[in-house]
N, C-alpha and C. Protein backbone atom coordinates (compact mmCIF):
# COMPACT_ATOMS: atom_id res chain seq x y z
N MET A 1 9.27 -47.49 6.60
CA MET A 1 8.33 -46.95 7.09
C MET A 1 7.98 -45.56 6.63
N THR A 2 7.21 -45.35 6.15
CA THR A 2 6.49 -43.92 5.13
C THR A 2 6.36 -42.61 5.98
N GLU A 3 5.00 -43.52 7.26
CA GLU A 3 4.34 -43.33 7.99
C GLU A 3 4.77 -43.34 9.33
N LYS A 4 5.12 -42.43 10.46
CA LYS A 4 5.33 -42.74 11.55
C LYS A 4 4.44 -44.03 12.44
N ASP A 5 5.07 -45.05 12.84
CA ASP A 5 4.04 -46.33 12.90
C ASP A 5 4.56 -46.04 14.73
N TRP A 6 4.19 -45.78 15.62
CA TRP A 6 4.18 -45.42 16.74
C TRP A 6 4.81 -46.70 17.63
N ASN A 7 3.59 -48.00 16.94
CA ASN A 7 4.03 -49.17 17.96
C ASN A 7 5.64 -49.39 17.57
N LYS A 8 5.93 -49.32 16.32
CA LYS A 8 7.21 -49.90 15.42
C LYS A 8 8.23 -48.54 16.31
N ILE A 9 8.54 -47.87 16.30
CA ILE A 9 9.25 -46.54 17.19
C ILE A 9 9.02 -47.34 18.88
N ALA A 10 7.80 -47.36 19.07
CA ALA A 10 7.95 -47.74 20.78
C ALA A 10 8.69 -49.18 20.95
N GLN A 11 8.87 -50.02 19.33
CA GLN A 11 9.48 -51.38 20.13
C GLN A 11 11.24 -51.68 19.80
N LEU A 12 11.26 -50.05 18.80
CA LEU A 12 12.62 -49.82 18.69
C LEU A 12 13.64 -49.50 20.18
N GLU A 13 12.57 -48.99 20.28
CA GLU A 13 13.73 -47.93 21.64
C GLU A 13 13.29 -48.80 23.12
N ARG A 14 12.62 -49.27 23.19
CA ARG A 14 12.49 -50.79 23.88
C ARG A 14 14.13 -51.60 23.85
N ALA A 15 14.07 -51.58 22.33
CA ALA A 15 15.11 -52.72 22.16
C ALA A 15 16.44 -52.05 22.40
N ILE A 16 16.30 -51.09 22.31
CA ILE A 16 17.85 -50.20 22.11
C ILE A 16 18.20 -50.37 23.80
N ALA A 17 17.01 -49.55 24.52
CA ALA A 17 17.34 -49.30 26.08
C ALA A 17 17.73 -50.72 27.03
N GLN A 18 16.89 -52.07 26.06
CA GLN A 18 17.81 -53.21 26.80
C GLN A 18 18.96 -53.44 26.48
N ARG A 19 19.55 -53.17 25.18
CA ARG A 19 20.76 -53.56 25.31
C ARG A 19 21.77 -52.72 25.62
N TRP A 20 21.12 -51.54 24.93
CA TRP A 20 22.13 -50.06 25.65
C TRP A 20 22.28 -49.62 26.93
N GLY A 21 21.02 -49.60 27.95
CA GLY A 21 20.84 -49.00 28.06
C GLY A 21 19.60 -47.62 28.58
N GLU A 22 19.16 -46.94 29.47
CA GLU A 22 17.68 -46.09 28.96
C GLU A 22 18.67 -44.64 28.73
N GLU A 23 20.09 -44.54 28.91
CA GLU A 23 20.92 -43.01 28.49
C GLU A 23 20.52 -43.63 26.91
N ALA A 24 20.73 -44.73 26.15
CA ALA A 24 21.29 -44.45 24.86
C ALA A 24 19.83 -43.97 24.35
N ILE A 25 18.47 -43.85 25.22
CA ILE A 25 17.44 -43.24 24.54
C ILE A 25 16.92 -42.08 24.85
N GLN A 26 17.80 -41.59 26.05
CA GLN A 26 16.72 -40.21 26.58
C GLN A 26 17.77 -39.29 25.41
N ASN A 27 16.14 -38.02 25.33
CA ASN A 27 17.40 -36.56 24.56
C ASN A 27 18.28 -36.07 25.23
N PRO A 28 19.15 -35.73 24.57
CA PRO A 28 20.78 -35.21 25.35
C PRO A 28 20.31 -33.95 25.86
N LYS A 29 19.50 -33.25 25.57
CA LYS A 29 19.30 -32.10 26.50
C LYS A 29 18.67 -32.23 28.30
N ALA A 30 18.22 -33.74 27.92
CA ALA A 30 17.44 -33.94 29.25
C ALA A 30 18.89 -33.98 30.44
N THR A 31 19.66 -34.01 30.07
CA THR A 31 21.08 -34.02 31.27
C THR A 31 21.81 -32.94 31.07
N TRP A 32 21.88 -32.13 29.78
CA TRP A 32 22.57 -30.96 30.05
C TRP A 32 22.14 -29.91 31.08
N THR A 33 23.02 -29.27 31.45
CA THR A 33 23.16 -28.17 32.44
C THR A 33 23.87 -27.00 32.05
N ASP A 34 23.66 -25.68 32.95
CA ASP A 34 24.70 -25.03 32.58
C ASP A 34 25.74 -24.90 32.86
N GLU A 35 26.11 -25.62 34.40
CA GLU A 35 27.59 -25.82 34.55
C GLU A 35 28.20 -27.03 33.19
N LYS A 36 27.72 -27.97 32.99
CA LYS A 36 27.79 -28.92 31.78
C LYS A 36 28.08 -28.11 30.43
N GLU A 37 27.51 -26.39 30.31
CA GLU A 37 27.55 -26.36 28.84
C GLU A 37 28.82 -25.27 29.50
N GLN A 38 29.46 -24.42 30.34
CA GLN A 38 30.23 -23.55 31.19
C GLN A 38 31.57 -24.81 30.82
N GLU A 39 31.61 -25.91 31.30
CA GLU A 39 32.64 -26.33 31.50
C GLU A 39 33.36 -26.72 29.57
N TYR A 40 32.16 -26.85 28.64
CA TYR A 40 32.09 -27.76 27.16
C TYR A 40 33.10 -26.00 26.86
N LYS A 41 32.03 -24.89 26.74
CA LYS A 41 33.00 -23.72 26.59
C LYS A 41 34.72 -23.56 26.84
N LYS A 42 34.54 -23.58 28.17
CA LYS A 42 36.06 -23.41 28.74
C LYS A 42 36.82 -25.00 27.72
N GLN A 43 36.47 -25.66 27.74
CA GLN A 43 37.79 -27.05 27.29
C GLN A 43 37.83 -26.76 25.84
N ILE A 44 36.67 -26.09 25.01
CA ILE A 44 36.93 -25.72 23.50
C ILE A 44 37.79 -24.34 23.72
N LYS A 45 37.23 -23.17 24.21
CA LYS A 45 38.29 -22.29 24.64
C LYS A 45 40.39 -22.95 24.80
N GLU A 46 40.25 -23.75 25.56
CA GLU A 46 41.74 -24.41 25.77
C GLU A 46 42.35 -24.87 24.39
N LEU A 47 40.99 -25.64 24.11
CA LEU A 47 41.30 -26.41 22.79
C LEU A 47 42.04 -25.35 21.72
N TRP A 48 41.29 -24.59 21.71
CA TRP A 48 41.71 -23.28 20.73
C TRP A 48 43.15 -22.47 20.94
N ASP A 49 43.35 -22.46 22.23
CA ASP A 49 44.55 -21.57 22.47
C ASP A 49 45.70 -22.35 22.48
N LYS A 50 45.48 -23.77 22.48
CA LYS A 50 46.79 -24.69 22.00
C LYS A 50 47.07 -24.67 20.68
N GLU A 51 45.96 -24.56 20.07
CA GLU A 51 46.24 -24.70 18.84
C GLU A 51 46.84 -23.70 17.92
N ARG A 52 46.27 -22.70 18.43
CA ARG A 52 47.35 -21.18 18.09
C ARG A 52 48.60 -21.32 18.66
N GLU A 53 48.52 -21.63 19.47
CA GLU A 53 49.90 -21.85 20.82
C GLU A 53 50.87 -22.49 19.65
N LEU A 54 50.23 -23.67 19.06
CA LEU A 54 51.21 -24.57 18.22
C LEU A 54 51.67 -23.82 17.19
N GLU A 55 50.57 -23.60 16.12
CA GLU A 55 50.56 -22.89 15.38
C GLU A 55 51.55 -21.26 14.88
N ASP A 56 51.25 -20.59 16.39
CA ASP A 56 52.71 -19.79 16.46
C ASP A 56 54.01 -20.17 16.46
N LYS A 57 53.99 -21.30 17.02
CA LYS A 57 55.59 -21.62 17.47
C LYS A 57 55.93 -22.23 15.76
N GLU A 58 55.57 -22.87 15.37
CA GLU A 58 55.62 -22.91 13.71
C GLU A 58 56.32 -22.14 13.15
N ILE A 59 58.26 -22.29 12.46
CA ILE A 59 58.80 -21.20 11.75
C ILE A 59 58.05 -21.12 11.00
N LYS A 60 57.99 -20.47 9.61
CA LYS A 60 57.38 -19.90 8.61
C LYS A 60 58.30 -19.09 7.63
N VAL A 61 59.00 -19.53 6.47
CA VAL A 61 59.28 -19.36 5.49
C VAL A 61 58.25 -18.56 3.94
N LYS A 62 59.03 -17.67 3.81
CA LYS A 62 58.69 -17.12 2.77
C LYS A 62 59.19 -17.83 1.22
N GLN A 63 58.43 -18.50 0.72
CA GLN A 63 59.07 -18.72 -0.74
C GLN A 63 58.20 -18.68 -1.70
N ASN A 64 58.22 -17.99 -2.41
CA ASN A 64 57.18 -17.68 -4.26
C ASN A 64 56.01 -17.21 -4.03
N GLY A 65 56.27 -16.15 -2.22
CA GLY A 65 54.90 -15.35 -2.31
C GLY A 65 54.38 -15.87 -1.19
N PHE A 66 54.43 -16.75 -0.66
CA PHE A 66 53.67 -17.60 0.24
C PHE A 66 54.57 -18.12 1.71
N PHE A 67 53.67 -17.65 2.68
CA PHE A 67 54.50 -18.70 3.58
C PHE A 67 54.04 -20.33 3.97
N ILE A 68 55.25 -20.59 3.98
CA ILE A 68 55.03 -22.52 4.40
C ILE A 68 55.84 -22.27 5.13
N THR A 69 55.35 -23.30 6.03
CA THR A 69 56.20 -23.69 7.41
C THR A 69 57.47 -24.64 7.05
N GLN A 70 58.03 -24.20 8.23
CA GLN A 70 59.52 -24.90 8.11
C GLN A 70 59.59 -26.60 8.14
N LYS A 71 58.55 -26.99 8.52
CA LYS A 71 58.53 -28.46 8.43
C LYS A 71 58.30 -29.07 7.09
N LEU A 72 57.84 -28.61 6.35
CA LEU A 72 57.49 -28.99 4.99
C LEU A 72 58.46 -28.79 3.97
N LEU A 73 59.33 -27.65 4.58
CA LEU A 73 60.07 -27.49 3.69
C LEU A 73 61.55 -28.67 3.87
N ASN A 74 61.75 -28.56 6.06
CA ASN A 74 62.58 -30.13 5.65
C ASN A 74 62.36 -31.32 5.29
N ARG A 75 61.25 -31.23 5.34
CA ARG A 75 60.72 -33.18 5.48
C ARG A 75 61.00 -34.04 3.83
N GLU A 76 61.43 -35.05 4.01
CA GLU A 76 61.97 -35.85 3.03
C GLU A 76 60.94 -36.48 2.32
N THR A 77 60.88 -36.07 0.93
CA THR A 77 59.47 -36.62 0.04
C THR A 77 59.83 -36.95 -0.85
N GLN A 78 58.80 -37.73 -1.40
CA GLN A 78 59.45 -38.72 -2.59
C GLN A 78 59.20 -37.72 -3.86
N ALA A 79 60.14 -38.40 -4.43
CA ALA A 79 59.92 -36.42 -5.64
C ALA A 79 58.54 -37.72 -6.26
N ASN A 80 57.80 -35.69 -7.25
CA ASN A 80 56.34 -36.77 -7.38
C ASN A 80 56.60 -36.61 -8.91
N ASN A 81 57.75 -36.75 -9.35
CA ASN A 81 57.88 -36.56 -11.10
C ASN A 81 58.25 -37.73 -11.37
N CYS A 82 58.08 -38.99 -12.65
CA CYS A 82 58.68 -39.98 -13.12
C CYS A 82 60.24 -39.79 -13.33
N THR A 83 60.97 -40.70 -13.07
CA THR A 83 62.52 -40.62 -13.68
C THR A 83 62.63 -41.06 -14.96
N VAL A 84 61.70 -41.68 -15.70
CA VAL A 84 61.28 -42.48 -16.95
C VAL A 84 61.38 -41.08 -18.15
N CYS A 85 60.11 -40.58 -17.58
CA CYS A 85 59.57 -39.40 -18.79
C CYS A 85 59.33 -38.02 -18.00
N ASN A 86 59.60 -38.42 -16.59
CA ASN A 86 59.82 -36.58 -16.22
C ASN A 86 58.25 -36.02 -15.88
N LYS A 87 57.08 -36.99 -15.97
CA LYS A 87 55.41 -36.35 -15.62
C LYS A 87 55.58 -36.56 -14.47
N LEU A 88 54.63 -35.06 -14.21
CA LEU A 88 54.40 -35.44 -12.76
C LEU A 88 53.25 -35.85 -12.05
N ALA A 89 53.45 -36.73 -11.06
CA ALA A 89 51.89 -37.49 -10.68
C ALA A 89 51.10 -36.73 -10.42
N LYS A 90 49.85 -37.41 -11.33
CA LYS A 90 48.79 -35.97 -10.88
C LYS A 90 48.08 -37.26 -10.12
N ILE A 91 47.79 -38.74 -10.00
CA ILE A 91 46.55 -39.70 -9.94
C ILE A 91 47.57 -40.01 -8.85
N ALA A 92 46.85 -40.31 -7.44
CA ALA A 92 47.34 -41.70 -6.88
C ALA A 92 47.68 -42.89 -7.42
N LYS A 93 47.21 -43.30 -8.15
CA LYS A 93 48.10 -44.43 -8.74
C LYS A 93 49.08 -44.02 -9.33
N ASP A 94 49.86 -43.17 -9.78
CA ASP A 94 51.30 -43.09 -10.22
C ASP A 94 52.12 -42.73 -8.22
N ASP A 95 51.47 -42.44 -7.96
CA ASP A 95 52.59 -42.17 -6.48
C ASP A 95 52.87 -43.46 -6.28
N VAL A 96 51.89 -44.56 -6.17
CA VAL A 96 51.96 -45.90 -5.39
C VAL A 96 53.33 -46.67 -6.71
N TYR A 97 52.95 -46.32 -7.64
CA TYR A 97 54.31 -46.70 -8.69
C TYR A 97 55.83 -45.85 -8.65
N ILE A 98 54.84 -44.81 -8.24
CA ILE A 98 57.02 -44.47 -8.08
C ILE A 98 57.57 -44.55 -6.85
N ILE A 99 56.38 -44.87 -6.01
CA ILE A 99 57.09 -45.01 -4.93
C ILE A 99 58.17 -46.49 -5.17
N LYS A 100 57.12 -47.70 -6.00
CA LYS A 100 57.65 -48.79 -5.55
C LYS A 100 58.69 -48.75 -6.83
N PHE A 101 58.39 -48.03 -7.88
CA PHE A 101 59.14 -48.59 -9.38
C PHE A 101 60.27 -47.48 -9.78
N GLU A 102 59.94 -45.81 -9.27
CA GLU A 102 60.51 -45.11 -9.20
C GLU A 102 60.32 -44.46 -11.19
N CYS A 103 58.91 -44.50 -11.20
CA CYS A 103 58.53 -44.83 -12.53
C CYS A 103 56.59 -44.11 -12.26
N CYS A 104 55.99 -43.21 -13.46
CA CYS A 104 54.18 -43.60 -13.35
C CYS A 104 54.18 -44.51 -13.54
N PHE A 105 52.61 -44.41 -13.90
CA PHE A 105 51.50 -45.53 -14.04
C PHE A 105 52.08 -46.10 -15.77
N ASP A 106 52.01 -45.51 -16.19
CA ASP A 106 51.95 -45.74 -18.03
C ASP A 106 53.52 -46.15 -18.33
N CYS A 107 54.83 -45.61 -17.39
CA CYS A 107 55.67 -46.08 -17.85
C CYS A 107 56.03 -47.14 -17.00
N TYR A 108 55.42 -47.34 -15.88
CA TYR A 108 55.24 -48.86 -15.76
C TYR A 108 54.79 -49.91 -16.51
N ILE A 109 53.48 -50.00 -17.19
CA ILE A 109 52.71 -50.63 -17.89
C ILE A 109 53.99 -50.49 -19.70
N GLN A 110 54.13 -49.49 -19.92
CA GLN A 110 55.28 -49.83 -21.03
C GLN A 110 56.72 -50.34 -20.63
N TRP A 111 57.43 -50.19 -19.61
CA TRP A 111 58.47 -50.52 -19.68
C TRP A 111 58.72 -51.57 -18.32
N VAL A 112 58.00 -51.68 -17.47
CA VAL A 112 58.11 -52.02 -16.24
C VAL A 112 57.70 -53.78 -16.56
N GLU A 113 56.19 -53.87 -16.27
CA GLU A 113 55.64 -54.91 -16.77
C GLU A 113 55.95 -56.35 -17.11
N GLY A 114 55.76 -57.24 -16.75
CA GLY A 114 56.66 -58.43 -16.83
C GLY A 114 58.01 -58.37 -17.08
N ARG A 115 58.93 -56.97 -16.85
CA ARG A 115 60.13 -56.87 -16.61
C ARG A 115 60.91 -56.69 -15.39
N GLU A 116 59.98 -56.77 -14.31
CA GLU A 116 60.08 -56.53 -12.88
C GLU A 116 61.75 -56.72 -12.40
N GLU A 117 62.41 -58.18 -12.77
CA GLU A 117 63.23 -58.40 -12.26
C GLU A 117 64.57 -57.40 -12.68
N ARG A 118 64.27 -57.37 -14.31
CA ARG A 118 65.44 -56.43 -15.25
C ARG A 118 65.16 -55.31 -14.74
N TRP A 119 64.01 -53.81 -14.06
CA TRP A 119 64.01 -53.11 -13.83
C TRP A 119 64.46 -53.37 -12.50
N LYS A 120 64.79 -54.07 -11.54
CA LYS A 120 65.23 -54.08 -10.17
C LYS A 120 66.67 -53.95 -9.89
N THR A 121 67.19 -54.51 -11.43
CA THR A 121 69.01 -54.83 -11.33
C THR A 121 69.13 -53.29 -12.50
N GLY A 122 68.67 -52.34 -12.61
CA GLY A 122 68.36 -51.08 -12.72
C GLY A 122 68.83 -50.56 -14.05
N TRP A 123 68.12 -51.51 -14.93
CA TRP A 123 67.65 -51.49 -16.24
C TRP A 123 66.82 -50.39 -16.53
N ARG A 124 67.20 -49.19 -17.31
CA ARG A 124 66.47 -48.31 -17.30
C ARG A 124 66.32 -48.09 -18.94
N PRO A 125 64.77 -47.55 -19.74
CA PRO A 125 64.91 -47.12 -21.21
C PRO A 125 65.97 -45.73 -21.43
N LYS A 126 65.84 -45.72 -22.33
CA LYS A 126 67.20 -44.47 -23.09
C LYS A 126 66.26 -43.18 -22.92
N THR A 127 66.32 -42.01 -23.01
CA THR A 127 65.42 -40.96 -22.49
C THR A 127 64.90 -40.75 -23.83
N ASN A 128 65.15 -40.90 -25.41
CA ASN A 128 64.97 -40.50 -25.97
C ASN A 128 62.86 -41.68 -26.33
N GLY A 129 63.19 -41.98 -25.36
CA GLY A 129 62.16 -43.47 -25.60
C GLY A 129 62.19 -44.69 -25.69
N ASN A 130 63.58 -44.86 -26.89
CA ASN A 130 63.57 -46.21 -26.88
C ASN A 130 64.71 -47.03 -26.00
N SER A 131 64.42 -48.51 -25.70
CA SER A 131 64.61 -49.44 -25.39
C SER A 131 66.26 -50.02 -25.09
N THR A 132 66.83 -50.69 -24.21
CA THR A 132 68.11 -50.81 -25.08
C THR A 132 67.79 -52.74 -24.72
């Protein structure tokens, strides 16, 4: 519809009203009142107050010149470095392989693919890059 086809619009509105009721095609401002506006503002204020209160409860620790929440420091996280090449995981694909095989995607292709059983038994390549 490049131009407004009023008959088509009316037909769509009738179909929507039949399926979901008259409220579905009403302008939202039609039923909005000053009381609803005040209640909405009150709810938003309460939400912000709760968020600020939770934020204030979090213990923050200064580390490397930045404040970090204590939760982040205590959380057990999977190491983001490959155990084989010590490369930092930069892409999501690396994270998946680090979780499953304890190595990045590149090391998986080079050392693990086709040798999963051997890898699961504990075999790892030597640190200089040569396999054993």
